[in-house]
Amino acid sequence: MKDVINYIKKNGIGSFKENVKLSCNTTYKVGGVASLFVWPKNVDKLILLLKKLKKDGISYKVLGNGSNVIFSDKNYDGVIIKLDLFDDVKINDTVITAGAGVSLVKLSYKAQKEGLTGLEFASGIPASVGGAVFMNAGAYKSDMGYIISQIKVLTPDLKVKTLYNKDLKYKYRTSFLKDNPEYICLCATIVLRHGDKALIKELMETRRQKRLMTQPLEFPSAGSVFRNPSDDFAGRLIEECNLKGYRIGGAKVSEKHANFIVNDNKASAKDVKDLIDYVHDKVKKEKNVDLKIEQEFVNWE
């Protein structure tokens, strides 16, 4: 990576750090060590970096808050790109433009303070805007697909392009970007509605209290592991298979919410993946339901 580091320094790409523990950068708190983390200053610097990585055939991965990604325990011999500095937020009446690195939780509270409704569902989703756009994050029967007007992306040939809602092919927990991961979300335009600040705040607080009561937020996890099947709940199916509390190594099916797998005792990434696979296969065998996994597995080849 010395050549890449010299290139980063020479071209003022941004800050970087070598040999970074992925377990410190994912919400499951698992994963090996990445050779290099880079925080590009802006789009132009990001393009310069990607040109170098593509030219040299170096693996890379754009990582948001790491809330829906499971890296393997082995080292990642490549570059992790963090868009934390893509953090501009502009509000024009009911329209918000937010950079890919903006915290979705913080943005939802900012919208509340502006008296804007439509983003309340996101107040408990620990994702970046870019990550949420990528996976169509959602809760409470709403998701990013309902509020995204357009996004700016970097295409595989490193051109900045606008994609509109209809281009993004939003469906339950998936999108065009998820099917085409070489497109990188740079920023998103979100359209909300005017609402009552107090009522919005009350709804967000009610939901926060409900999460505290029903979800194992005291343990590292990645939220819901499986998508809910049509007209059913993954958690109910898992619970009916008597899997609450079932563990492999340091990973355990939460006793509070069966669709959460938690790292409650220094779990390895393998523990987490093995438990996800076990739960999936058990539900398939006993309920004949093929649960779809929400998390993305990286560096398992």
C-alpha atoms as a PDB file:
ATOM      1  CA  MET A   1       0.000   0.000   0.000  1.00  0.00           C
ATOM      2  CA  LYS A   2       3.024   2.301   0.145  1.00  0.00           C
ATOM      3  CA  ASP A   3       2.498   3.373  -3.466  1.00  0.00           C
ATOM      4  CA  VAL A   4      -1.156   4.226  -2.762  1.00  0.00           C
ATOM      5  CA  ILE A   5      -0.204   6.158   0.378  1.00  0.00           C
ATOM      6  CA  ASN A   6       2.398   8.152  -1.529  1.00  0.00           C
ATOM      7  CA  TYR A   7      -0.238   8.903  -4.182  1.00  0.00           C
ATOM      8  CA  ILE A   8      -2.701  10.045  -1.481  1.00  0.00           C
ATOM      9  CA  LYS A   9      -0.088  12.365   0.006  1.00  0.00           C
ATOM     10  CA  LYS A  10       1.082  13.733  -3.337  1.00  0.00           C
ATOM     11  CA  ASN A  11      -2.447  14.499  -4.558  1.00  0.00           C
ATOM     12  CA  GLY A  12      -3.900  15.725  -1.254  1.00  0.00           C
ATOM     13  CA  ILE A  13      -6.651  13.097  -1.400  1.00  0.00           C
ATOM     14  CA  GLY A  14      -7.468  13.329   2.289  1.00  0.00           C
ATOM     15  CA  SER A  15      -6.597  11.664   5.566  1.00  0.00           C
ATOM     16  CA  PHE A  16      -5.765   7.967   5.834  1.00  0.00           C
ATOM     17  CA  LYS A  17      -4.947   5.304   8.381  1.00  0.00           C
ATOM     18  CA  GLU A  18      -3.179   1.987   7.977  1.00  0.00           C
ATOM     19  CA  ASN A  19      -4.141  -1.383   9.488  1.00  0.00           C
ATOM     20  CA  VAL A  20      -7.548  -0.464  10.865  1.00  0.00           C
ATOM     21  CA  LYS A  21      -9.670  -2.924  12.824  1.00  0.00           C
ATOM     22  CA  LEU A  22     -12.983  -3.435  11.029  1.00  0.00           C
ATOM     23  CA  SER A  23     -14.453  -4.537  14.354  1.00  0.00           C
ATOM     24  CA  CYS A  24     -14.194  -0.894  15.434  1.00  0.00           C
ATOM     25  CA  ASN A  25     -16.060   0.281  12.334  1.00  0.00           C
ATOM     26  CA  THR A  26     -19.062  -2.050  12.163  1.00  0.00           C
ATOM     27  CA  THR A  27     -22.043  -2.267  14.483  1.00  0.00           C
ATOM     28  CA  TYR A  28     -21.583  -6.033  14.989  1.00  0.00           C
ATOM     29  CA  LYS A  29     -18.052  -5.279  16.271  1.00  0.00           C
ATOM     30  CA  VAL A  30     -16.542  -8.117  14.232  1.00  0.00           C
ATOM     31  CA  GLY A  31     -14.154  -8.409  11.291  1.00  0.00           C
ATOM     32  CA  GLY A  32     -10.464  -8.506  10.494  1.00  0.00           C
ATOM     33  CA  VAL A  33      -8.045  -5.689   9.764  1.00  0.00           C
ATOM     34  CA  ALA A  34      -8.227  -3.505   6.657  1.00  0.00           C
ATOM     35  CA  SER A  35      -4.941  -2.511   5.048  1.00  0.00           C
ATOM     36  CA  LEU A  36      -5.982   1.105   4.573  1.00  0.00           C
ATOM     37  CA  PHE A  37      -8.825   3.490   5.420  1.00  0.00           C
ATOM     38  CA  VAL A  38      -9.123   6.705   3.387  1.00  0.00           C
ATOM     39  CA  TRP A  39     -11.320   9.760   3.980  1.00  0.00           C
ATOM     40  CA  PRO A  40     -11.428  11.708   0.657  1.00  0.00           C
ATOM     41  CA  LYS A  41     -11.898  15.482   1.002  1.00  0.00           C
ATOM     42  CA  ASN A  42     -14.386  15.848  -1.845  1.00  0.00           C
ATOM     43  CA  VAL A  43     -15.717  14.292  -5.059  1.00  0.00           C
ATOM     44  CA  ASP A  44     -12.710  15.310  -7.148  1.00  0.00           C
ATOM     45  CA  LYS A  45     -10.323  13.682  -4.674  1.00  0.00           C
ATOM     46  CA  LEU A  46     -12.531  10.586  -4.533  1.00  0.00           C
ATOM     47  CA  ILE A  47     -12.322  10.294  -8.329  1.00  0.00           C
ATOM     48  CA  LEU A  48      -8.540  10.633  -8.230  1.00  0.00           C
ATOM     49  CA  LEU A  49      -8.336   7.898  -5.598  1.00  0.00           C
ATOM     50  CA  LEU A  50     -10.592   5.530  -7.525  1.00  0.00           C
ATOM     51  CA  LYS A  51      -8.641   6.074 -10.738  1.00  0.00           C
ATOM     52  CA  LYS A  52      -5.500   4.955  -8.913  1.00  0.00           C
ATOM     53  CA  LEU A  53      -7.147   1.924  -7.282  1.00  0.00           C
ATOM     54  CA  LYS A  54      -8.776   0.783 -10.520  1.00  0.00           C
ATOM     55  CA  LYS A  55      -5.558   1.260 -12.492  1.00  0.00           C
ATOM     56  CA  ASP A  56      -3.563  -0.789  -9.970  1.00  0.00           C
ATOM     57  CA  GLY A  57      -6.259  -3.444  -9.516  1.00  0.00           C
ATOM     58  CA  ILE A  58      -6.586  -2.772  -5.781  1.00  0.00           C
ATOM     59  CA  SER A  59      -9.767  -3.911  -4.024  1.00  0.00           C
ATOM     60  CA  TYR A  60     -11.855  -1.224  -2.371  1.00  0.00           C
ATOM     61  CA  LYS A  61     -15.109  -0.881  -0.491  1.00  0.00           C
ATOM     62  CA  VAL A  62     -17.111   2.253   0.316  1.00  0.00           C
ATOM     63  CA  LEU A  63     -18.253   1.929   3.926  1.00  0.00           C
ATOM     64  CA  GLY A  64     -20.886   4.006   5.697  1.00  0.00           C
ATOM     65  CA  ASN A  65     -21.582   3.435   9.392  1.00  0.00           C
ATOM     66  CA  GLY A  66     -21.073  -0.308   9.027  1.00  0.00           C
ATOM     67  CA  SER A  67     -24.580  -1.034  10.292  1.00  0.00           C
ATOM     68  CA  ASN A  68     -25.500  -3.602   7.657  1.00  0.00           C
ATOM     69  CA  VAL A  69     -22.155  -5.136   6.720  1.00  0.00           C
ATOM     70  CA  ILE A  70     -20.419  -8.255   8.024  1.00  0.00           C
ATOM     71  CA  PHE A  71     -16.716  -8.484   7.203  1.00  0.00           C
ATOM     72  CA  SER A  72     -15.008 -11.837   7.641  1.00  0.00           C
ATOM     73  CA  ASP A  73     -12.369 -12.396  10.313  1.00  0.00           C
ATOM     74  CA  LYS A  74      -9.562 -12.435   7.773  1.00  0.00           C
ATOM     75  CA  ASN A  75      -7.723  -9.279   6.844  1.00  0.00           C
ATOM     76  CA  TYR A  76      -9.086  -7.111   4.047  1.00  0.00           C
ATOM     77  CA  ASP A  77      -6.223  -6.543   1.632  1.00  0.00           C
ATOM     78  CA  GLY A  78      -7.603  -3.396   0.106  1.00  0.00           C
ATOM     79  CA  VAL A  79      -8.843   0.126   0.751  1.00  0.00           C
ATOM     80  CA  ILE A  80     -11.891   1.091   2.777  1.00  0.00           C
ATOM     81  CA  ILE A  81     -13.254   4.433   1.577  1.00  0.00           C
ATOM     82  CA  LYS A  82     -15.153   6.535   4.111  1.00  0.00           C
ATOM     83  CA  LEU A  83     -17.282   9.458   2.913  1.00  0.00           C
ATOM     84  CA  ASP A  84     -17.593  11.067   6.354  1.00  0.00           C
ATOM     85  CA  LEU A  85     -16.501  14.438   4.932  1.00  0.00           C
ATOM     86  CA  PHE A  86     -19.428  14.407   2.487  1.00  0.00           C
ATOM     87  CA  ASP A  87     -21.492  15.921   5.283  1.00  0.00           C
ATOM     88  CA  ASP A  88     -23.159  19.040   3.882  1.00  0.00           C
ATOM     89  CA  VAL A  89     -26.856  19.517   4.677  1.00  0.00           C
ATOM     90  CA  LYS A  90     -28.982  22.140   2.927  1.00  0.00           C
ATOM     91  CA  ILE A  91     -32.655  22.753   3.647  1.00  0.00           C
ATOM     92  CA  ASN A  92     -34.889  24.697   1.279  1.00  0.00           C
ATOM     93  CA  ASP A  93     -38.486  24.698   2.530  1.00  0.00           C
ATOM     94  CA  THR A  94     -39.432  20.976   2.497  1.00  0.00           C
ATOM     95  CA  VAL A  95     -36.432  19.837   0.437  1.00  0.00           C
ATOM     96  CA  ILE A  96     -33.283  18.533   2.123  1.00  0.00           C
ATOM     97  CA  THR A  97     -30.048  17.840   0.289  1.00  0.00           C
ATOM     98  CA  ALA A  98     -27.665  15.760   2.390  1.00  0.00           C
ATOM     99  CA  GLY A  99     -24.226  14.346   1.696  1.00  0.00           C
ATOM    100  CA  ALA A 100     -23.653  10.596   1.748  1.00  0.00           C
ATOM    101  CA  GLY A 101     -21.690  10.811   4.996  1.00  0.00           C
ATOM    102  CA  VAL A 102     -24.451  12.471   7.019  1.00  0.00           C
ATOM    103  CA  SER A 103     -25.843  10.448   9.929  1.00  0.00           C
ATOM    104  CA  LEU A 104     -29.414   9.415   9.152  1.00  0.00           C
ATOM    105  CA  VAL A 105     -30.363   9.631  12.833  1.00  0.00           C
ATOM    106  CA  LYS A 106     -28.993  13.168  13.154  1.00  0.00           C
ATOM    107  CA  LEU A 107     -30.725  14.170   9.927  1.00  0.00           C
ATOM    108  CA  SER A 108     -34.076  12.899  11.206  1.00  0.00           C
ATOM    109  CA  TYR A 109     -33.735  15.042  14.341  1.00  0.00           C
ATOM    110  CA  LYS A 110     -32.664  18.039  12.265  1.00  0.00           C
ATOM    111  CA  ALA A 111     -35.806  17.608  10.159  1.00  0.00           C
ATOM    112  CA  GLN A 112     -37.911  17.481  13.337  1.00  0.00           C
ATOM    113  CA  LYS A 113     -36.445  20.760  14.556  1.00  0.00           C
ATOM    114  CA  GLU A 114     -37.322  22.324  11.185  1.00  0.00           C
ATOM    115  CA  GLY A 115     -40.911  21.089  11.522  1.00  0.00           C
ATOM    116  CA  LEU A 116     -40.555  18.625   8.644  1.00  0.00           C
ATOM    117  CA  THR A 117     -42.334  15.269   8.733  1.00  0.00           C
ATOM    118  CA  GLY A 118     -41.634  12.100   6.756  1.00  0.00           C
ATOM    119  CA  LEU A 119     -38.254  11.131   8.177  1.00  0.00           C
ATOM    120  CA  GLU A 120     -39.430   9.979  11.604  1.00  0.00           C
ATOM    121  CA  PHE A 121     -39.029   6.325  10.617  1.00  0.00           C
ATOM    122  CA  ALA A 122     -35.268   6.863  10.333  1.00  0.00           C
ATOM    123  CA  SER A 123     -34.667   8.191  13.846  1.00  0.00           C
ATOM    124  CA  GLY A 124     -33.495   4.777  15.066  1.00  0.00           C
ATOM    125  CA  ILE A 125     -31.562   3.590  12.008  1.00  0.00           C
ATOM    126  CA  PRO A 126     -27.790   3.901  12.652  1.00  0.00           C
ATOM    127  CA  ALA A 127     -26.848   4.372   9.003  1.00  0.00           C
ATOM    128  CA  SER A 128     -25.277   7.070   6.895  1.00  0.00           C
ATOM    129  CA  VAL A 129     -27.421   8.707   4.222  1.00  0.00           C
ATOM    130  CA  GLY A 130     -25.390   6.933   1.544  1.00  0.00           C
ATOM    131  CA  GLY A 131     -25.836   3.555   3.192  1.00  0.00           C
ATOM    132  CA  ALA A 132     -29.546   4.127   3.730  1.00  0.00           C
ATOM    133  CA  VAL A 133     -30.036   5.100   0.079  1.00  0.00           C
ATOM    134  CA  PHE A 134     -28.050   2.035  -0.994  1.00  0.00           C
ATOM    135  CA  MET A 135     -30.116  -0.527   0.935  1.00  0.00           C
ATOM    136  CA  ASN A 136     -33.423   1.364   1.029  1.00  0.00           C
ATOM    137  CA  ALA A 137     -33.386   1.487   4.813  1.00  0.00           C
ATOM    138  CA  GLY A 138     -36.769   1.662   6.448  1.00  0.00           C
ATOM    139  CA  ALA A 139     -39.003   1.048   9.438  1.00  0.00           C
ATOM    140  CA  TYR A 140     -42.622   1.531  10.473  1.00  0.00           C
ATOM    141  CA  LYS A 141     -43.915   0.771   6.961  1.00  0.00           C
ATOM    142  CA  SER A 142     -41.839   3.534   5.401  1.00  0.00           C
ATOM    143  CA  ASP A 143     -38.421   3.672   3.760  1.00  0.00           C
ATOM    144  CA  MET A 144     -36.052   5.869   1.785  1.00  0.00           C
ATOM    145  CA  GLY A 145     -37.896   5.081  -1.444  1.00  0.00           C
ATOM    146  CA  TYR A 146     -40.868   7.146  -0.238  1.00  0.00           C
ATOM    147  CA  ILE A 147     -38.869  10.314   0.361  1.00  0.00           C
ATOM    148  CA  ILE A 148     -35.924  10.287  -2.072  1.00  0.00           C
ATOM    149  CA  SER A 149     -36.417  12.603  -5.038  1.00  0.00           C
ATOM    150  CA  GLN A 150     -33.016  12.142  -6.639  1.00  0.00           C
ATOM    151  CA  ILE A 151     -29.420  11.331  -5.829  1.00  0.00           C
ATOM    152  CA  LYS A 152     -26.042  12.190  -7.272  1.00  0.00           C
ATOM    153  CA  VAL A 153     -23.833   9.195  -7.930  1.00  0.00           C
ATOM    154  CA  LEU A 154     -20.380   8.434  -9.180  1.00  0.00           C
ATOM    155  CA  THR A 155     -20.758   5.944 -12.017  1.00  0.00           C
ATOM    156  CA  PRO A 156     -18.389   2.992 -12.642  1.00  0.00           C
ATOM    157  CA  ASP A 157     -16.619   5.103 -15.289  1.00  0.00           C
ATOM    158  CA  LEU A 158     -16.183   7.862 -12.681  1.00  0.00           C
ATOM    159  CA  LYS A 159     -18.724  10.356 -14.017  1.00  0.00           C
ATOM    160  CA  VAL A 160     -21.049  12.304 -11.721  1.00  0.00           C
ATOM    161  CA  LYS A 161     -24.642  11.585 -12.675  1.00  0.00           C
ATOM    162  CA  THR A 162     -28.115  12.302 -11.308  1.00  0.00           C
ATOM    163  CA  LEU A 163     -30.423   9.341 -10.752  1.00  0.00           C
ATOM    164  CA  TYR A 164     -34.102  10.020 -10.078  1.00  0.00           C
ATOM    165  CA  ASN A 165     -36.434   8.034  -7.856  1.00  0.00           C
ATOM    166  CA  LYS A 166     -37.777   6.029 -10.779  1.00  0.00           C
ATOM    167  CA  ASP A 167     -34.209   5.063 -11.760  1.00  0.00           C
ATOM    168  CA  LEU A 168     -33.454   3.687  -8.322  1.00  0.00           C
ATOM    169  CA  LYS A 169     -35.929   0.778  -8.577  1.00  0.00           C
ATOM    170  CA  TYR A 170     -36.746   0.894  -4.896  1.00  0.00           C
ATOM    171  CA  LYS A 171     -38.335  -2.181  -3.388  1.00  0.00           C
ATOM    172  CA  TYR A 172     -38.405  -3.584   0.131  1.00  0.00           C
ATOM    173  CA  ARG A 173     -34.798  -3.305   1.409  1.00  0.00           C
ATOM    174  CA  THR A 174     -33.244  -3.158  -2.018  1.00  0.00           C
ATOM    175  CA  SER A 175     -32.480  -0.727  -4.829  1.00  0.00           C
ATOM    176  CA  PHE A 176     -30.655  -0.196  -8.100  1.00  0.00           C
ATOM    177  CA  LEU A 177     -27.540   0.688  -6.098  1.00  0.00           C
ATOM    178  CA  LYS A 178     -27.622  -2.571  -4.170  1.00  0.00           C
ATOM    179  CA  ASP A 179     -27.758  -4.460  -7.461  1.00  0.00           C
ATOM    180  CA  ASN A 180     -25.068  -2.195  -8.963  1.00  0.00           C
ATOM    181  CA  PRO A 181     -22.600  -1.544  -6.117  1.00  0.00           C
ATOM    182  CA  GLU A 182     -20.019   0.139  -8.364  1.00  0.00           C
ATOM    183  CA  TYR A 183     -22.282   3.198  -8.383  1.00  0.00           C
ATOM    184  CA  ILE A 184     -21.407   5.361  -5.365  1.00  0.00           C
ATOM    185  CA  CYS A 185     -23.989   7.640  -3.765  1.00  0.00           C
ATOM    186  CA  LEU A 186     -22.537  11.116  -3.198  1.00  0.00           C
ATOM    187  CA  CYS A 187     -25.604  12.971  -1.922  1.00  0.00           C
ATOM    188  CA  ALA A 188     -29.368  12.656  -1.785  1.00  0.00           C
ATOM    189  CA  THR A 189     -32.296  15.012  -2.208  1.00  0.00           C
ATOM    190  CA  ILE A 190     -35.127  14.236   0.205  1.00  0.00           C
ATOM    191  CA  VAL A 191     -38.606  15.730  -0.022  1.00  0.00           C
ATOM    192  CA  LEU A 192     -40.608  15.969   3.201  1.00  0.00           C
ATOM    193  CA  ARG A 193     -43.764  17.790   4.321  1.00  0.00           C
ATOM    194  CA  HIS A 194     -44.489  20.527   6.821  1.00  0.00           C
ATOM    195  CA  GLY A 195     -45.659  19.210  10.174  1.00  0.00           C
ATOM    196  CA  ASP A 196     -46.033  20.053  13.836  1.00  0.00           C
ATOM    197  CA  LYS A 197     -42.647  20.038  15.626  1.00  0.00           C
ATOM    198  CA  ALA A 198     -44.117  18.886  18.918  1.00  0.00           C
ATOM    199  CA  LEU A 199     -46.103  16.033  17.383  1.00  0.00           C
ATOM    200  CA  ILE A 200     -43.121  14.865  15.324  1.00  0.00           C
ATOM    201  CA  LYS A 201     -40.915  14.930  18.420  1.00  0.00           C
ATOM    202  CA  GLU A 202     -43.520  13.029  20.434  1.00  0.00           C
ATOM    203  CA  LEU A 203     -43.773  10.302  17.776  1.00  0.00           C
ATOM    204  CA  MET A 204     -39.993   9.926  17.612  1.00  0.00           C
ATOM    205  CA  GLU A 205     -39.735   9.698  21.403  1.00  0.00           C
ATOM    206  CA  THR A 206     -42.543   7.131  21.587  1.00  0.00           C
ATOM    207  CA  ARG A 207     -40.778   4.998  19.021  1.00  0.00           C
ATOM    208  CA  ARG A 208     -37.442   5.404  20.832  1.00  0.00           C
ATOM    209  CA  GLN A 209     -38.994   4.127  24.033  1.00  0.00           C
ATOM    210  CA  LYS A 210     -40.548   1.204  22.138  1.00  0.00           C
ATOM    211  CA  ARG A 211     -37.160   0.290  20.648  1.00  0.00           C
ATOM    212  CA  LEU A 212     -35.583   0.329  24.088  1.00  0.00           C
ATOM    213  CA  MET A 213     -38.292  -2.029  25.337  1.00  0.00           C
ATOM    214  CA  THR A 214     -38.371  -4.437  22.390  1.00  0.00           C
ATOM    215  CA  GLN A 215     -34.870  -4.429  20.844  1.00  0.00           C
ATOM    216  CA  PRO A 216     -31.518  -5.523  22.356  1.00  0.00           C
ATOM    217  CA  LEU A 217     -29.871  -2.135  21.875  1.00  0.00           C
ATOM    218  CA  GLU A 218     -27.428  -2.823  24.711  1.00  0.00           C
ATOM    219  CA  PHE A 219     -25.538  -5.354  22.536  1.00  0.00           C
ATOM    220  CA  PRO A 220     -23.671  -4.940  19.237  1.00  0.00           C
ATOM    221  CA  SER A 221     -25.889  -6.023  16.342  1.00  0.00           C
ATOM    222  CA  ALA A 222     -26.926  -4.993  12.850  1.00  0.00           C
ATOM    223  CA  GLY A 223     -30.618  -4.610  13.537  1.00  0.00           C
ATOM    224  CA  SER A 224     -33.010  -6.980  11.829  1.00  0.00           C
ATOM    225  CA  VAL A 225     -31.132  -9.886  10.292  1.00  0.00           C
ATOM    226  CA  PHE A 226     -33.847 -11.094   7.908  1.00  0.00           C
ATOM    227  CA  ARG A 227     -36.398  -9.305   5.768  1.00  0.00           C
ATOM    228  CA  ASN A 228     -39.987  -9.859   6.792  1.00  0.00           C
ATOM    229  CA  PRO A 229     -41.782 -12.219   4.384  1.00  0.00           C
ATOM    230  CA  SER A 230     -44.987 -10.967   2.792  1.00  0.00           C
ATOM    231  CA  ASP A 231     -47.772 -10.816   5.403  1.00  0.00           C
ATOM    232  CA  ASP A 232     -45.582 -12.265   8.159  1.00  0.00           C
ATOM    233  CA  PHE A 233     -42.704 -11.438  10.495  1.00  0.00           C
ATOM    234  CA  ALA A 234     -39.280 -13.056  10.462  1.00  0.00           C
ATOM    235  CA  GLY A 235     -39.069 -12.691  14.236  1.00  0.00           C
ATOM    236  CA  ARG A 236     -42.275 -14.674  14.750  1.00  0.00           C
ATOM    237  CA  LEU A 237     -41.050 -17.520  12.546  1.00  0.00           C
ATOM    238  CA  ILE A 238     -37.681 -17.652  14.319  1.00  0.00           C
ATOM    239  CA  GLU A 239     -39.340 -17.608  17.737  1.00  0.00           C
ATOM    240  CA  GLU A 240     -41.708 -20.431  16.747  1.00  0.00           C
ATOM    241  CA  CYS A 241     -38.640 -22.509  15.895  1.00  0.00           C
ATOM    242  CA  ASN A 242     -37.565 -22.076  19.548  1.00  0.00           C
ATOM    243  CA  LEU A 243     -34.395 -20.242  18.558  1.00  0.00           C
ATOM    244  CA  LYS A 244     -34.510 -17.361  21.029  1.00  0.00           C
ATOM    245  CA  GLY A 245     -31.317 -17.540  23.073  1.00  0.00           C
ATOM    246  CA  TYR A 246     -29.687 -20.046  20.714  1.00  0.00           C
ATOM    247  CA  ARG A 247     -26.002 -19.317  20.359  1.00  0.00           C
ATOM    248  CA  ILE A 248     -22.929 -20.228  18.366  1.00  0.00           C
ATOM    249  CA  GLY A 249     -19.749 -19.071  20.067  1.00  0.00           C
ATOM    250  CA  GLY A 250     -20.178 -15.471  21.153  1.00  0.00           C
ATOM    251  CA  ALA A 251     -23.151 -14.801  18.861  1.00  0.00           C
ATOM    252  CA  LYS A 252     -26.694 -15.280  20.118  1.00  0.00           C
ATOM    253  CA  VAL A 253     -30.263 -14.969  18.875  1.00  0.00           C
ATOM    254  CA  SER A 254     -31.650 -12.208  21.059  1.00  0.00           C
ATOM    255  CA  GLU A 255     -34.103 -13.244  23.744  1.00  0.00           C
ATOM    256  CA  LYS A 256     -35.742  -9.830  23.425  1.00  0.00           C
ATOM    257  CA  HIS A 257     -36.284  -9.841  19.648  1.00  0.00           C
ATOM    258  CA  ALA A 258     -35.766 -13.046  17.655  1.00  0.00           C
ATOM    259  CA  ASN A 259     -34.858 -11.232  14.427  1.00  0.00           C
ATOM    260  CA  PHE A 260     -31.784  -9.743  16.099  1.00  0.00           C
ATOM    261  CA  ILE A 261     -28.510 -11.616  16.407  1.00  0.00           C
ATOM    262  CA  VAL A 262     -26.255 -10.016  18.980  1.00  0.00           C
ATOM    263  CA  ASN A 263     -22.583 -10.131  19.808  1.00  0.00           C
ATOM    264  CA  ASP A 264     -22.811 -10.703  23.539  1.00  0.00           C
ATOM    265  CA  ASN A 265     -19.497 -12.437  24.250  1.00  0.00           C
ATOM    266  CA  LYS A 266     -16.626 -11.457  21.950  1.00  0.00           C
ATOM    267  CA  ALA A 267     -18.150 -13.143  18.915  1.00  0.00           C
ATOM    268  CA  SER A 268     -16.110 -13.682  15.786  1.00  0.00           C
ATOM    269  CA  ALA A 269     -17.500 -12.835  12.364  1.00  0.00           C
ATOM    270  CA  LYS A 270     -17.655 -16.594  11.727  1.00  0.00           C
ATOM    271  CA  ASP A 271     -19.834 -17.038  14.839  1.00  0.00           C
ATOM    272  CA  VAL A 272     -22.271 -14.437  13.521  1.00  0.00           C
ATOM    273  CA  LYS A 273     -22.394 -15.837   9.995  1.00  0.00           C
ATOM    274  CA  ASP A 274     -22.717 -19.433  11.186  1.00  0.00           C
ATOM    275  CA  LEU A 275     -25.625 -18.450  13.424  1.00  0.00           C
ATOM    276  CA  ILE A 276     -27.362 -16.522  10.633  1.00  0.00           C
ATOM    277  CA  ASP A 277     -27.004 -19.552   8.356  1.00  0.00           C
ATOM    278  CA  TYR A 278     -28.262 -21.903  11.082  1.00  0.00           C
ATOM    279  CA  VAL A 279     -31.354 -19.790  11.772  1.00  0.00           C
ATOM    280  CA  HIS A 280     -32.076 -19.469   8.056  1.00  0.00           C
ATOM    281  CA  ASP A 281     -31.820 -23.234   7.500  1.00  0.00           C
ATOM    282  CA  LYS A 282     -33.882 -24.072  10.588  1.00  0.00           C
ATOM    283  CA  VAL A 283     -36.749 -21.789   9.512  1.00  0.00           C
ATOM    284  CA  LYS A 284     -36.558 -23.148   5.961  1.00  0.00           C
ATOM    285  CA  LYS A 285     -36.782 -26.733   7.272  1.00  0.00           C
ATOM    286  CA  GLU A 286     -39.505 -26.216   9.873  1.00  0.00           C
ATOM    287  CA  LYS A 287     -41.590 -23.441   8.269  1.00  0.00           C
ATOM    288  CA  ASN A 288     -40.733 -23.836   4.589  1.00  0.00           C
ATOM    289  CA  VAL A 289     -39.935 -20.121   4.413  1.00  0.00           C
ATOM    290  CA  ASP A 290     -36.735 -18.978   2.695  1.00  0.00           C
ATOM    291  CA  LEU A 291     -35.838 -15.921   4.770  1.00  0.00           C
ATOM    292  CA  LYS A 292     -33.835 -13.264   2.918  1.00  0.00           C
ATOM    293  CA  ILE A 293     -30.780 -11.947   4.732  1.00  0.00           C
ATOM    294  CA  GLU A 294     -30.554  -8.140   5.021  1.00  0.00           C
ATOM    295  CA  GLN A 295     -26.841  -7.947   5.802  1.00  0.00           C
ATOM    296  CA  GLU A 296     -24.083  -7.752   3.190  1.00  0.00           C
ATOM    297  CA  PHE A 297     -21.170 -10.196   3.565  1.00  0.00           C
ATOM    298  CA  VAL A 298     -17.767  -8.808   2.553  1.00  0.00           C
ATOM    299  CA  ASN A 299     -14.403 -10.557   2.135  1.00  0.00           C
ATOM    300  CA  TRP A 300     -15.702 -14.093   2.648  1.00  0.00           C
ATOM    301  CA  GLU A 301     -14.416 -15.542  -0.623  1.00  0.00           C
END
